[in-house]
Protein backbone atom coordinates (compact mmCIF):
# COMPACT_ATOMS: atom_id res chain seq x y z
CA MET A 1 87.25 137.43 91.95
CA GLU A 2 88.42 134.10 91.34
CA ASN A 3 86.02 131.10 92.13
CA ALA A 4 86.98 128.68 95.05
CA GLN A 5 88.34 125.35 93.95
CA ALA A 6 85.58 122.71 94.32
CA GLU A 7 86.05 119.99 96.76
CA TYR A 8 87.30 116.63 95.73
CA VAL A 9 84.95 114.08 97.62
CA ILE A 10 86.26 110.75 98.54
CA LEU A 11 84.08 107.98 99.89
CA ALA A 12 85.60 104.96 101.61
CA ALA A 13 83.32 101.84 102.09
CA VAL A 14 84.22 100.62 105.58
CA ALA A 15 83.56 96.95 106.57
CA PHE A 16 84.67 95.95 109.98
CA ASP A 17 87.30 93.67 108.82
CA GLU A 18 90.75 93.92 107.12
CA THR A 19 89.19 94.96 103.92
CA GLY A 20 87.57 98.19 105.54
CA ASP A 21 90.93 98.83 106.99
CA SER A 22 92.57 98.86 103.68
CA ALA A 23 89.88 100.94 102.12
CA LEU A 24 90.09 103.57 104.90
CA ARG A 25 93.91 103.61 104.93
CA GLU A 26 94.08 104.29 101.21
CA ALA A 27 91.35 106.94 101.20
CA VAL A 28 93.02 108.83 104.17
CA ARG A 29 96.36 108.54 102.13
CA ILE A 30 94.73 110.23 99.09
CA ALA A 31 92.98 112.72 101.07
CA GLN A 32 96.40 113.77 102.43
CA VAL A 33 97.64 114.64 99.21
CA GLN A 34 94.71 115.80 97.23
CA PRO A 35 94.09 119.59 97.65
CA HIS A 36 90.61 120.55 98.89
CA ALA A 37 89.85 116.78 99.82
CA ASP A 38 86.50 116.07 101.62
CA LEU A 39 86.82 112.57 103.15
CA HIS A 40 83.53 110.56 103.84
CA VAL A 41 83.27 106.86 105.14
CA VAL A 42 80.15 104.56 105.02
CA TYR A 43 79.29 101.41 106.84
CA VAL A 44 76.34 99.37 105.52
CA LEU A 45 74.42 97.39 108.13
CA PRO A 46 73.35 94.18 106.52
CA ASP A 47 69.60 93.61 106.56
CA THR A 48 69.92 89.86 106.33
CA LEU A 49 68.66 88.90 109.97
CA GLY A 50 67.50 85.52 110.52
CA GLU A 51 64.31 84.56 112.07
CA ALA A 52 65.85 83.65 115.37
CA ALA A 53 67.92 86.76 115.39
CA ALA A 54 64.78 88.78 114.67
CA VAL A 55 63.21 87.28 117.70
CA ASP A 56 66.00 86.87 120.17
CA GLY A 57 68.74 88.98 118.69
CA PRO A 58 69.49 92.85 119.20
CA THR A 59 67.01 95.29 117.82
CA LEU A 60 67.89 97.37 114.83
CA TYR A 61 68.56 100.52 117.22
CA GLU A 62 71.08 98.59 119.27
CA ARG A 63 72.90 97.35 116.09
CA LEU A 64 73.11 100.84 114.73
CA HIS A 65 74.35 102.06 118.00
CA LYS A 66 77.09 99.22 118.13
CA ALA A 67 77.95 100.00 114.46
CA ARG A 68 78.25 103.76 115.29
CA GLU A 69 80.64 103.07 118.05
CA GLU A 70 82.83 100.73 116.07
CA LEU A 71 83.06 103.10 113.02
CA GLN A 72 84.04 105.75 115.36
CA ARG A 73 86.81 103.55 117.03
CA ARG A 74 88.22 102.56 113.47
CA ILE A 75 88.28 106.26 112.43
CA GLU A 76 90.06 107.32 115.59
CA LEU A 77 92.69 104.81 114.96
CA THR A 78 93.64 106.64 111.87
CA TRP A 79 93.79 109.98 113.82
CA LEU A 80 96.69 108.59 115.79
CA SER A 81 99.08 108.95 112.72
CA ARG A 82 96.97 110.86 110.17
CA PRO A 83 94.70 113.47 111.95
CA LEU A 84 91.94 114.30 109.24
CA LYS A 85 88.27 115.46 109.29
CA VAL A 86 86.00 112.63 108.44
CA THR A 87 82.29 112.59 107.75
CA ALA A 88 80.84 109.20 108.66
CA HIS A 89 77.61 107.65 107.16
CA ILE A 90 75.57 104.53 108.39
CA ARG A 91 73.32 102.77 105.83
CA ALA A 92 71.10 99.60 106.16
CA GLY A 93 70.41 97.35 103.30
CA ALA A 94 72.21 95.65 100.44
CA ALA A 95 75.83 96.63 100.44
CA ALA A 96 76.17 97.44 96.85
CA GLY A 97 73.03 99.48 96.44
CA ALA A 98 73.74 101.35 99.64
CA LEU A 99 77.41 102.13 98.54
CA LEU A 100 76.14 103.45 95.24
CA GLN A 101 73.46 105.48 96.82
CA THR A 102 75.78 107.14 99.33
CA ALA A 103 78.27 107.88 96.58
CA SER A 104 75.42 109.79 94.74
CA ASP A 105 74.18 111.42 98.06
CA VAL A 106 77.66 112.98 98.71
CA ASN A 107 78.64 113.67 94.96
CA ALA A 108 81.59 111.59 95.41
CA ASP A 109 84.55 112.06 93.04
CA LEU A 110 86.19 108.67 94.09
CA LEU A 111 84.81 105.63 95.80
CA VAL A 112 87.31 103.34 97.50
CA VAL A 113 86.43 99.71 98.29
CA GLY A 114 88.44 96.93 99.99
CA THR A 115 88.99 93.42 98.89
CA HIS A 116 90.93 90.39 100.08
CA LYS A 117 91.48 86.62 98.97
CA ARG A 118 88.69 84.38 99.81
CA SER A 119 87.40 80.87 99.06
CA ALA A 120 85.64 80.29 95.71
CA VAL A 121 82.13 80.65 97.49
CA GLU A 122 83.05 83.71 99.59
CA LYS A 123 84.51 85.27 96.35
CA TRP A 124 81.24 84.70 94.54
CA LEU A 125 79.14 85.97 97.23
CA LEU A 126 81.15 89.01 98.47
CA GLY A 127 83.10 89.74 95.27
CA SER A 128 79.77 90.40 93.41
CA VAL A 129 79.26 93.57 95.64
CA ASN A 130 82.43 95.16 94.30
CA GLU A 131 81.60 93.73 90.84
CA ARG A 132 78.22 95.64 90.81
CA VAL A 133 79.90 98.78 92.42
CA LEU A 134 82.56 98.71 89.60
CA ARG A 135 79.95 98.31 86.88
CA GLU A 136 77.46 100.92 88.07
CA ALA A 137 79.44 103.50 89.88
CA HIS A 138 79.13 107.01 88.35
CA CYS A 139 82.73 107.94 89.52
CA PRO A 140 86.08 106.16 89.51
CA VAL A 141 86.40 103.27 92.02
CA LEU A 142 89.66 102.13 93.59
CA VAL A 143 89.80 98.73 94.86
CA ALA A 144 92.24 98.53 97.88
CA ALA A 145 93.93 95.24 98.28
CA PRO A 146 96.37 94.70 101.12
CA LYS A 147 99.97 94.80 100.04
CA ASP A 148 101.42 91.30 100.03
CA TYR A 149 104.18 90.18 97.83
CA VAL A 150 105.34 87.14 99.86
CA ARG A 151 103.80 84.55 97.34
CA ALA A 152 104.45 86.77 94.31
CA SER A 153 106.94 85.39 91.76
CA GLU A 154 110.19 87.41 91.17
CA SER A 155 110.92 88.79 87.71
CA ALA A 156 113.58 86.87 85.95
CA LEU A 157 117.17 88.02 86.40
CA ILE A 158 118.58 89.89 83.57
CA GLU A 159 121.71 87.85 82.23
CA PRO A 160 124.90 89.68 81.62
CA PRO A 161 125.62 90.34 77.97
CA CYS A 162 127.51 87.69 76.07
CA PRO A 163 131.06 88.53 74.80
CA ASP A 164 129.65 89.15 71.23
CA CYS A 165 127.13 91.94 72.67
CA VAL A 166 130.04 93.57 74.62
CA GLN A 167 131.87 93.67 71.51
CA ALA A 168 128.87 95.11 69.45
CA ARG A 169 128.56 97.96 71.88
CA ARG A 170 132.30 98.91 71.50
CA ASP A 171 132.25 98.79 67.96
CA SER A 172 129.04 100.97 67.60
CA ALA A 173 129.96 103.20 70.37
CA ASN A 174 126.91 101.92 72.23
CA GLN A 175 124.68 102.51 69.28
CA ASN A 176 124.01 98.81 69.13
CA TYR A 177 123.43 96.97 72.41
CA TRP A 178 123.13 93.32 71.28
CA CYS A 179 124.96 91.16 68.95
CA GLU A 180 123.28 89.75 65.79
CA ARG A 181 122.02 86.62 67.55
CA HIS A 182 120.73 88.27 70.51
CA SER A 183 118.96 91.21 68.59
CA ARG A 184 116.71 88.66 66.79
CA SER A 185 115.39 87.18 69.72
CA ARG A 186 114.17 90.19 71.46
CA LEU A 187 110.77 91.77 70.74
CA ARG A 188 111.36 95.56 69.79
CA PRO A 189 108.55 97.80 71.15
CA HIS A 190 106.98 100.47 69.19
CA VAL A 191 107.82 103.80 70.55
CA TYR A 192 105.56 106.89 69.71
CA GLU A 193 106.78 110.37 70.26
CA PRO A 194 104.89 113.66 70.13
CA SER A 195 105.56 115.52 67.01
CA ASP A 196 104.98 119.21 66.00
CA VAL A 197 103.32 118.02 62.80
CA ARG A 198 99.76 116.74 63.19
CA THR A 199 98.89 113.51 61.59
CA ASN A 200 96.00 111.42 61.40
CA VAL A 201 96.80 107.96 63.16
CA VAL A 202 94.57 104.97 62.16
CA VAL A 203 95.07 102.04 64.39
CA SER A 204 93.59 98.82 62.97
């Protein structure tokens, strides 16, 4: 009797902003194509309450209840186009430690976190969470950044071959693509192909 294939556990770190949306969206996409996927999401309730908030603000129970409702709302939005079973977790405490502990608790095979561009101060404060997660996680970590190529530079256009290059291709039956001048100016890559003969390769 064959053993059943083990589940592939995906844990998405869901913050209540666009980073959480990106993480959840990518985690769902992976879960849909990964056989035996088991999708979990976690929201970490910050424990940094100020003195005024501790006196006049919502209680921990109220904050947990509100977080549970918001997490459920975000999960249900994904069901509109991608119905999928999701197990949700809510933790309280420092974000990085809570994410790492939850990944350990569910035996995650993949941890998905979100990110976006911020100011230098925000990047230092919030980027440190992902930095610690990347450094200390015991499974692969996927950083889901929103897709945005608006400000990205385009690759340089490939110039048409010069007349000498065209002639070189004709003369060599396409064995030589470049004329003598252009072949000197191009970097030639090293191509390694598998061989039936085993050799010891030393890279220095």
